[in-house]
Structure formats: structure tokens, C-alpha cells
Amino acid sequence: MPYVNPDAIVSTEWLAEHQKAPDVRIVDASWYHPATSRDARQEYERQHIPGAVFFDIDEIANTDTALPHMLPDAAKFASKVRKIGLGNGNRIIVYDYSGGAAAASRVWWMFRVFGHNDVAVLDGGMTKWLREGRPTEDLPPMPRERHFMPRVNQLLVRSKDQIKTNIASRRDQVVDARSAGRFSGRDKEPWPHRKVGHIPGSLNLPWNDLLDPHSKTFLPAEALAERFAKAGIELGKPVVATCGSGVTACVLALGLYLLGHEETAIYDGSWAEWGLADDTVAIAD
């Protein structure tokens, strides 16, 4: 059983062969939760895949809200990506070094929200690249500003109010990418919150269940489909993915895209918003 949309990921072998192609642009999207005390930008400056530019999801974001790395408006996104040399006509390859393509999947989703569909995630990311002994550099890139014309696809985004409405309508299947312990409310929630647990009616599929635990690459198509089916997700119906802050949910969206489910939406505020709001309901086991 092959992937329906295999071009959403590329192998390390493919990138090694194509990294100098004139239309290919490489993006390091590494990000770490603040509690880890790791600095993704500093790590990027020490070593990155040759030619990669750094995409900071906390900077290319709506910084007028206290919520973490919320989606910016189209004008800000376009301005920021132009300056790091990413534009129309580019084949954008995104990777991260944060263990399993979570931040890379977030950036993949962001580009698709703003109408740029020629974007893929490096399967296995920087971890696999280094394990294979492939080259890195610490040189700062000198990107030439590119033209980027955004075309917003609102079908890929959900707001808190839309999720609240969906609790009654059940139009969308809401799937939570957090761990089972956080979904049930038993484990500590790392973002500021007033409540724990999950959105009423939501399903749980931890994002790392879609990846091979050793290579950090996506599971084959048949195994991916089995993971979604076991979680109770019907691939023929609309899906909204959520998580802690809208990052790991994008791994579910990418997994579904590989299987042909091209319009999975992300609840951007996720638990960072839902768990802190006064007007939401949470279910804890």
C-alpha cells in the first residue's frame, strides 16, 4: 500500500542529491519547549544542513497574543519568509532537530495555509541526516529576498469558537496529538492552564505513534492507516487536529495528508488556549 501523496516527505538520500538544485530551498525549523532550556537557534548556528535557513516559529507568528507561536496574518508571513529567501517557485524542504518532525510539520502546514503547496518534510530530520554521516556547516546563509504571494486557505485552520460549536455538531472529528496521560488529565500539562484533560468528544492519537521509534521516519502507509483506524478516526470524514500548542498536531495532519486526507485542519490555539480559557469545558478521566 503506497502513500497517496508521497511528495509531502523526502528522504535524506533525495535531499543529498537535490540540495544544490536551483529551485530547492532548505529550512531548519527546529524548536524546543521553553522548559527544556535548549536554544534551537544556537544549535542551528553551530551546525545545520548546508544552505539551510532558520525558521523561528516563535518569531514568524502572531506576537500580539500571549498564546505561543500562533499563526501570523498573511502579510507578516509573506514579509518574513521573503527575507529568508523563500518564495513562489521554490521547492521548500523543511527539517528539524527536535526529535520527530513536529516543528517541521508545523512549518509545512503554515506554508500550505498561505497557499504554497510545494513544500515537504525531510523524513527522519536532522537526526537521520547526522546518523548517516552527511555534511553540515556552521556558515550563515546569505539568502536573496524572494517574492512570496500568499493565498490563504482558511479550511486548514480552526478557532476556539469553531471547536466549541463542533462539540454539538460533531461535523469534524477532533483528534488530540498529546500523550495519553495529558489527554486523560493524569499527567502534568506544560503550558499555563486552569483545567486538564481533553476537549469533549475528541479522540486521542499521540503524534509519535506515527513515527518509527528508531529512525523517526513516518510509518509505511498501511501502518499509518492502522494507527488512525485504531484511534477511531474515519478517513472519509473531516478531521481537526489539536495538541498542546499547535505544533505536534501538524504531525497528524501530515500523516493524514500522506494517506490522501488533504484538508486536515489545525486548532491553532490547542490546549494552550483551551486549557486556560474561562469559556471552555474539559473532560478528565
Foldseek 3Di string as FASTA:
>chain_A
DAFPCVLQEDELVVCVVCVPPPQEAEEEQADDDVVVVDDQVVVVLVKDAPRYDYDDLQVCAPPVDPAGSFHDDLVSNQVVVLQRADAPSHQYEYAYDHFACLRVLLVQLNCVQFPDNSYHYHFLGPVLCVVVVHDIDNDHHDHHGDGHHGDGDCLQEDEPVRLVVCLVVVQAAEEEQEDPCQQQQNDDQPADFDDTHHAPRHWYQHLQQQADNPSSGGDGLVSLVVSCVVRVHDLVGAYEYAYRAQGSSSSVQSSSVSNPSNRHHYHRRHCNDQRHDPPGDHHHD
